[in-house]
Amino acid sequence: MHADAIEYRFTVEDPKTWAKPFSGEVPLVKMDIQGPFVEHACHEGNRAPENMLSVARYQEKVAALEKGSN
């Protein structure tokens, strides 16, 4: 791993649910993001992310048109 990353490791132990413990790991890398960061999560049946993104794209288009007309 490098200085801008974290190695996230975990182990799940629940004998009532799982036959044996299991582990996993996920590299978390710093990103250079311009503007707000929107979490990506399971959103089955949830239209809010789609609506938020469509409004953001509309606002970007309006801003670009306004900038171009000045």
PDB file of N, CA and C in Angstrom:
ATOM      1  N   MET A   1       0.831  -1.192   0.000  1.00  0.00           N
ATOM      2  CA  MET A   1       0.000   0.000   0.000  1.00  0.00           C
ATOM      3  C   MET A   1       0.867   1.244   0.000  1.00  0.00           C
ATOM      4  N   HIS A   2       0.335   2.314  -0.541  1.00  0.00           N
ATOM      5  CA  HIS A   2       1.070   3.571  -0.546  1.00  0.00           C
ATOM      6  C   HIS A   2       0.467   4.534   0.471  1.00  0.00           C
ATOM      7  N   ALA A   3       1.020   5.709   0.591  1.00  0.00           N
ATOM      8  CA  ALA A   3       0.636   6.667   1.644  1.00  0.00           C
ATOM      9  C   ALA A   3      -0.806   7.141   1.533  1.00  0.00           C
ATOM     10  N   ASP A   4      -1.397   7.094   0.342  1.00  0.00           N
ATOM     11  CA  ASP A   4      -2.769   7.565   0.152  1.00  0.00           C
ATOM     12  C   ASP A   4      -3.781   6.426   0.133  1.00  0.00           C
ATOM     13  N   ALA A   5      -3.487   5.341   0.842  1.00  0.00           N
ATOM     14  CA  ALA A   5      -4.388   4.189   0.835  1.00  0.00           C
ATOM     15  C   ALA A   5      -4.442   3.527   2.210  1.00  0.00           C
ATOM     16  N   ILE A   6      -5.555   2.874   2.444  1.00  0.00           N
ATOM     17  CA  ILE A   6      -5.755   2.090   3.667  1.00  0.00           C
ATOM     18  C   ILE A   6      -6.200   0.698   3.239  1.00  0.00           C
ATOM     19  N   GLU A   7      -5.625  -0.312   3.849  1.00  0.00           N
ATOM     20  CA  GLU A   7      -6.052  -1.691   3.606  1.00  0.00           C
ATOM     21  C   GLU A   7      -7.055  -2.044   4.700  1.00  0.00           C
ATOM     22  N   TYR A   8      -8.337  -2.057   4.372  1.00  0.00           N
ATOM     23  CA  TYR A   8      -9.388  -2.365   5.347  1.00  0.00           C
ATOM     24  C   TYR A   8      -9.607  -3.867   5.362  1.00  0.00           C
ATOM     25  N   ARG A   9      -9.359  -4.505   6.511  1.00  0.00           N
ATOM     26  CA  ARG A   9      -9.534  -5.954   6.656  1.00  0.00           C
ATOM     27  C   ARG A   9     -10.567  -6.237   7.729  1.00  0.00           C
ATOM     28  N   PHE A  10     -11.338  -7.297   7.514  1.00  0.00           N
ATOM     29  CA  PHE A  10     -12.363  -7.641   8.491  1.00  0.00           C
ATOM     30  C   PHE A  10     -12.554  -9.149   8.559  1.00  0.00           C
ATOM     31  N   THR A  11     -13.062  -9.608   9.692  1.00  0.00           N
ATOM     32  CA  THR A  11     -13.426 -11.006   9.891  1.00  0.00           C
ATOM     33  C   THR A  11     -14.807 -11.045  10.521  1.00  0.00           C
ATOM     34  N   VAL A  12     -15.666 -11.877   9.968  1.00  0.00           N
ATOM     35  CA  VAL A  12     -17.026 -12.036  10.484  1.00  0.00           C
ATOM     36  C   VAL A  12     -17.096 -13.372  11.213  1.00  0.00           C
ATOM     37  N   GLU A  13     -17.490 -13.303  12.469  1.00  0.00           N
ATOM     38  CA  GLU A  13     -17.639 -14.512  13.283  1.00  0.00           C
ATOM     39  C   GLU A  13     -19.017 -14.495  13.925  1.00  0.00           C
ATOM     40  N   ASP A  14     -19.889 -15.388  13.476  1.00  0.00           N
ATOM     41  CA  ASP A  14     -21.229 -15.504  14.039  1.00  0.00           C
ATOM     42  C   ASP A  14     -21.674 -16.960  13.881  1.00  0.00           C
ATOM     43  N   PRO A  15     -21.365 -17.798  14.879  1.00  0.00           N
ATOM     44  CA  PRO A  15     -21.650 -19.225  14.756  1.00  0.00           C
ATOM     45  C   PRO A  15     -23.128 -19.563  14.591  1.00  0.00           C
ATOM     46  N   LYS A  16     -24.012 -18.645  14.997  1.00  0.00           N
ATOM     47  CA  LYS A  16     -25.446 -18.902  14.808  1.00  0.00           C
ATOM     48  C   LYS A  16     -25.869 -18.701  13.356  1.00  0.00           C
ATOM     49  N   THR A  17     -25.075 -17.947  12.598  1.00  0.00           N
ATOM     50  CA  THR A  17     -25.420 -17.641  11.207  1.00  0.00           C
ATOM     51  C   THR A  17     -24.524 -18.356  10.208  1.00  0.00           C
ATOM     52  N   TRP A  18     -23.212 -18.400  10.487  1.00  0.00           N
ATOM     53  CA  TRP A  18     -22.239 -18.949   9.544  1.00  0.00           C
ATOM     54  C   TRP A  18     -21.590 -20.206  10.105  1.00  0.00           C
ATOM     55  N   ALA A  19     -21.276 -21.156   9.226  1.00  0.00           N
ATOM     56  CA  ALA A  19     -20.638 -22.407   9.648  1.00  0.00           C
ATOM     57  C   ALA A  19     -19.222 -22.170  10.173  1.00  0.00           C
ATOM     58  N   LYS A  20     -18.543 -21.191   9.606  1.00  0.00           N
ATOM     59  CA  LYS A  20     -17.197 -20.851  10.073  1.00  0.00           C
ATOM     60  C   LYS A  20     -16.942 -19.373   9.787  1.00  0.00           C
ATOM     61  N   PRO A  21     -16.000 -18.768  10.492  1.00  0.00           N
ATOM     62  CA  PRO A  21     -15.685 -17.351  10.246  1.00  0.00           C
ATOM     63  C   PRO A  21     -15.161 -17.139   8.824  1.00  0.00           C
ATOM     64  N   PHE A  22     -15.361 -15.946   8.299  1.00  0.00           N
ATOM     65  CA  PHE A  22     -14.776 -15.595   7.006  1.00  0.00           C
ATOM     66  C   PHE A  22     -14.220 -14.183   7.079  1.00  0.00           C
ATOM     67  N   SER A  23     -13.264 -13.921   6.208  1.00  0.00           N
ATOM     68  CA  SER A  23     -12.562 -12.639   6.204  1.00  0.00           C
ATOM     69  C   SER A  23     -12.584 -12.030   4.811  1.00  0.00           C
ATOM     70  N   GLY A  24     -12.310 -10.746   4.782  1.00  0.00           N
ATOM     71  CA  GLY A  24     -12.204 -10.037   3.515  1.00  0.00           C
ATOM     72  C   GLY A  24     -11.333  -8.820   3.691  1.00  0.00           C
ATOM     73  N   GLU A  25     -10.970  -8.213   2.581  1.00  0.00           N
ATOM     74  CA  GLU A  25     -10.197  -6.978   2.636  1.00  0.00           C
ATOM     75  C   GLU A  25     -10.553  -6.117   1.429  1.00  0.00           C
ATOM     76  N   VAL A  26     -10.507  -4.806   1.653  1.00  0.00           N
ATOM     77  CA  VAL A  26     -10.839  -3.837   0.622  1.00  0.00           C
ATOM     78  C   VAL A  26      -9.809  -2.713   0.671  1.00  0.00           C
ATOM     79  N   PRO A  27      -9.145  -2.434  -0.455  1.00  0.00           N
ATOM     80  CA  PRO A  27      -8.239  -1.292  -0.459  1.00  0.00           C
ATOM     81  C   PRO A  27      -9.048   0.003  -0.596  1.00  0.00           C
ATOM     82  N   LEU A  28      -8.803   0.962   0.272  1.00  0.00           N
ATOM     83  CA  LEU A  28      -9.458   2.262   0.216  1.00  0.00           C
ATOM     84  C   LEU A  28      -8.398   3.272  -0.226  1.00  0.00           C
ATOM     85  N   VAL A  29      -8.565   3.820  -1.422  1.00  0.00           N
ATOM     86  CA  VAL A  29      -7.565   4.704  -2.005  1.00  0.00           C
ATOM     87  C   VAL A  29      -8.114   6.130  -2.077  1.00  0.00           C
ATOM     88  N   LYS A  30      -7.297   7.096  -1.670  1.00  0.00           N
ATOM     89  CA  LYS A  30      -7.689   8.498  -1.708  1.00  0.00           C
ATOM     90  C   LYS A  30      -7.948   8.907  -3.156  1.00  0.00           C
ATOM     91  N   MET A  31      -9.058   9.619  -3.356  1.00  0.00           N
ATOM     92  CA  MET A  31      -9.425  10.076  -4.694  1.00  0.00           C
ATOM     93  C   MET A  31      -9.402  11.592  -4.736  1.00  0.00           C
ATOM     94  N   ASP A  32      -8.982  12.140  -5.861  1.00  0.00           N
ATOM     95  CA  ASP A  32      -8.999  13.582  -6.071  1.00  0.00           C
ATOM     96  C   ASP A  32     -10.339  13.926  -6.707  1.00  0.00           C
ATOM     97  N   ILE A  33     -11.282  14.389  -5.895  1.00  0.00           N
ATOM     98  CA  ILE A  33     -12.647  14.624  -6.360  1.00  0.00           C
ATOM     99  C   ILE A  33     -12.916  16.117  -6.438  1.00  0.00           C
ATOM    100  N   GLN A  34     -13.469  16.542  -7.559  1.00  0.00           N
ATOM    101  CA  GLN A  34     -13.900  17.919  -7.727  1.00  0.00           C
ATOM    102  C   GLN A  34     -15.403  17.958  -7.464  1.00  0.00           C
ATOM    103  N   GLY A  35     -15.838  18.700  -6.487  1.00  0.00           N
ATOM    104  CA  GLY A  35     -17.258  18.807  -6.178  1.00  0.00           C
ATOM    105  C   GLY A  35     -17.672  17.798  -5.130  1.00  0.00           C
ATOM    106  N   PRO A  36     -18.971  17.694  -4.885  1.00  0.00           N
ATOM    107  CA  PRO A  36     -19.464  16.799  -3.831  1.00  0.00           C
ATOM    108  C   PRO A  36     -19.312  15.335  -4.219  1.00  0.00           C
ATOM    109  N   PHE A  37     -19.128  14.519  -3.219  1.00  0.00           N
ATOM    110  CA  PHE A  37     -19.002  13.075  -3.415  1.00  0.00           C
ATOM    111  C   PHE A  37     -20.317  12.420  -3.032  1.00  0.00           C
ATOM    112  N   VAL A  38     -20.890  11.631  -3.933  1.00  0.00           N
ATOM    113  CA  VAL A  38     -22.156  10.950  -3.676  1.00  0.00           C
ATOM    114  C   VAL A  38     -21.854   9.475  -3.432  1.00  0.00           C
ATOM    115  N   GLU A  39     -22.291   8.978  -2.301  1.00  0.00           N
ATOM    116  CA  GLU A  39     -22.047   7.586  -1.942  1.00  0.00           C
ATOM    117  C   GLU A  39     -22.746   6.656  -2.925  1.00  0.00           C
ATOM    118  N   HIS A  40     -22.046   5.615  -3.326  1.00  0.00           N
ATOM    119  CA  HIS A  40     -22.652   4.570  -4.140  1.00  0.00           C
ATOM    120  C   HIS A  40     -23.107   3.471  -3.183  1.00  0.00           C
ATOM    121  N   ALA A  41     -24.383   3.199  -3.163  1.00  0.00           N
ATOM    122  CA  ALA A  41     -24.912   2.167  -2.278  1.00  0.00           C
ATOM    123  C   ALA A  41     -26.062   1.464  -2.984  1.00  0.00           C
ATOM    124  N   CYS A  42     -26.462   0.357  -2.451  1.00  0.00           N
ATOM    125  CA  CYS A  42     -27.596  -0.363  -2.994  1.00  0.00           C
ATOM    126  C   CYS A  42     -28.823   0.539  -2.919  1.00  0.00           C
ATOM    127  N   HIS A  43     -29.486   0.727  -4.019  1.00  0.00           N
ATOM    128  CA  HIS A  43     -30.645   1.613  -4.029  1.00  0.00           C
ATOM    129  C   HIS A  43     -31.792   1.012  -4.843  1.00  0.00           C
ATOM    130  N   GLU A  44     -31.927  -0.284  -4.785  1.00  0.00           N
ATOM    131  CA  GLU A  44     -32.993  -0.946  -5.520  1.00  0.00           C
ATOM    132  C   GLU A  44     -34.340  -0.355  -5.140  1.00  0.00           C
ATOM    133  N   GLY A  45     -35.046   0.151  -6.115  1.00  0.00           N
ATOM    134  CA  GLY A  45     -36.355   0.747  -5.877  1.00  0.00           C
ATOM    135  C   GLY A  45     -36.281   2.179  -5.365  1.00  0.00           C
ATOM    136  N   ASN A  46     -35.090   2.680  -5.108  1.00  0.00           N
ATOM    137  CA  ASN A  46     -34.927   4.041  -4.598  1.00  0.00           C
ATOM    138  C   ASN A  46     -34.510   4.922  -5.766  1.00  0.00           C
ATOM    139  N   ARG A  47     -35.373   5.824  -6.166  1.00  0.00           N
ATOM    140  CA  ARG A  47     -35.094   6.692  -7.319  1.00  0.00           C
ATOM    141  C   ARG A  47     -34.382   7.984  -6.928  1.00  0.00           C
ATOM    142  N   ALA A  48     -34.126   8.205  -5.651  1.00  0.00           N
ATOM    143  CA  ALA A  48     -33.492   9.447  -5.213  1.00  0.00           C
ATOM    144  C   ALA A  48     -32.134   9.669  -5.884  1.00  0.00           C
ATOM    145  N   PRO A  49     -31.228   8.669  -5.948  1.00  0.00           N
ATOM    146  CA  PRO A  49     -29.940   8.927  -6.602  1.00  0.00           C
ATOM    147  C   PRO A  49     -30.099   9.351  -8.067  1.00  0.00           C
ATOM    148  N   GLU A  50     -30.986   8.689  -8.781  1.00  0.00           N
ATOM    149  CA  GLU A  50     -31.227   9.040 -10.183  1.00  0.00           C
ATOM    150  C   GLU A  50     -31.749  10.470 -10.294  1.00  0.00           C
ATOM    151  N   ASN A  51     -32.680  10.821  -9.425  1.00  0.00           N
ATOM    152  CA  ASN A  51     -33.237  12.173  -9.450  1.00  0.00           C
ATOM    153  C   ASN A  51     -32.192  13.217  -9.087  1.00  0.00           C
ATOM    154  N   MET A  52     -31.391  12.947  -8.056  1.00  0.00           N
ATOM    155  CA  MET A  52     -30.354  13.901  -7.649  1.00  0.00           C
ATOM    156  C   MET A  52     -29.353  14.127  -8.778  1.00  0.00           C
ATOM    157  N   LEU A  53     -28.958  13.049  -9.440  1.00  0.00           N
ATOM    158  CA  LEU A  53     -27.991  13.182 -10.522  1.00  0.00           C
ATOM    159  C   LEU A  53     -28.581  13.896 -11.729  1.00  0.00           C
ATOM    160  N   SER A  54     -29.849  13.641 -12.042  1.00  0.00           N
ATOM    161  CA  SER A  54     -30.446  14.325 -13.186  1.00  0.00           C
ATOM    162  C   SER A  54     -30.579  15.822 -12.914  1.00  0.00           C
ATOM    163  N   VAL A  55     -30.900  16.204 -11.685  1.00  0.00           N
ATOM    164  CA  VAL A  55     -30.967  17.627 -11.327  1.00  0.00           C
ATOM    165  C   VAL A  55     -29.577  18.254 -11.421  1.00  0.00           C
ATOM    166  N   ALA A  56     -28.560  17.548 -10.940  1.00  0.00           N
ATOM    167  CA  ALA A  56     -27.190  18.065 -11.003  1.00  0.00           C
ATOM    168  C   ALA A  56     -26.752  18.269 -12.451  1.00  0.00           C
ATOM    169  N   ARG A  57     -27.065  17.307 -13.344  1.00  0.00           N
ATOM    170  CA  ARG A  57     -26.705  17.462 -14.762  1.00  0.00           C
ATOM    171  C   ARG A  57     -27.441  18.650 -15.374  1.00  0.00           C
ATOM    172  N   TYR A  58     -28.709  18.853 -15.003  1.00  0.00           N
ATOM    173  CA  TYR A  58     -29.480  19.990 -15.498  1.00  0.00           C
ATOM    174  C   TYR A  58     -28.848  21.301 -15.039  1.00  0.00           C
ATOM    175  N   GLN A  59     -28.475  21.370 -13.768  1.00  0.00           N
ATOM    176  CA  GLN A  59     -27.844  22.583 -13.238  1.00  0.00           C
ATOM    177  C   GLN A  59     -26.519  22.863 -13.946  1.00  0.00           C
ATOM    178  N   GLU A  60     -25.769  21.819 -14.255  1.00  0.00           N
ATOM    179  CA  GLU A  60     -24.516  22.000 -14.984  1.00  0.00           C
ATOM    180  C   GLU A  60     -24.770  22.551 -16.382  1.00  0.00           C
ATOM    181  N   LYS A  61     -25.802  22.041 -17.068  1.00  0.00           N
ATOM    182  CA  LYS A  61     -26.128  22.530 -18.408  1.00  0.00           C
ATOM    183  C   LYS A  61     -26.553  23.998 -18.366  1.00  0.00           C
ATOM    184  N   VAL A  62     -27.387  24.353 -17.403  1.00  0.00           N
ATOM    185  CA  VAL A  62     -27.832  25.748 -17.259  1.00  0.00           C
ATOM    186  C   VAL A  62     -26.638  26.651 -17.012  1.00  0.00           C
ATOM    187  N   ALA A  63     -25.755  26.249 -16.108  1.00  0.00           N
ATOM    188  CA  ALA A  63     -24.565  27.047 -15.787  1.00  0.00           C
ATOM    189  C   ALA A  63     -23.684  27.212 -17.032  1.00  0.00           C
ATOM    190  N   ALA A  64     -23.527  26.156 -17.830  1.00  0.00           N
ATOM    191  CA  ALA A  64     -22.705  26.236 -19.035  1.00  0.00           C
ATOM    192  C   ALA A  64     -23.339  27.170 -20.058  1.00  0.00           C
ATOM    193  N   LEU A  65     -24.666  27.115 -20.195  1.00  0.00           N
ATOM    194  CA  LEU A  65     -25.357  28.006 -21.129  1.00  0.00           C
ATOM    195  C   LEU A  65     -25.231  29.453 -20.686  1.00  0.00           C
ATOM    196  N   GLU A  66     -25.378  29.700 -19.387  1.00  0.00           N
ATOM    197  CA  GLU A  66     -25.258  31.054 -18.852  1.00  0.00           C
ATOM    198  C   GLU A  66     -23.832  31.577 -19.049  1.00  0.00           C
ATOM    199  N   LYS A  67     -22.860  30.723 -18.829  1.00  0.00           N
ATOM    200  CA  LYS A  67     -21.464  31.124 -18.995  1.00  0.00           C
ATOM    201  C   LYS A  67     -21.167  31.453 -20.459  1.00  0.00           C
ATOM    202  N   GLY A  68     -21.749  30.655 -21.367  1.00  0.00           N
ATOM    203  CA  GLY A  68     -21.533  30.864 -22.794  1.00  0.00           C
ATOM    204  C   GLY A  68     -22.200  32.114 -23.330  1.00  0.00           C
ATOM    205  N   SER A  69     -23.265  32.582 -22.696  1.00  0.00           N
ATOM    206  CA  SER A  69     -23.985  33.769 -23.183  1.00  0.00           C
ATOM    207  C   SER A  69     -23.411  35.057 -22.626  1.00  0.00           C
ATOM    208  N   ASN A  70     -22.459  34.976 -21.709  1.00  0.00           N
ATOM    209  CA  ASN A  70     -21.852  36.193 -21.124  1.00  0.00           C
ATOM    210  C   ASN A  70     -20.718  36.704 -21.957  1.00  0.00           C
TER     211      ASN A  70
END
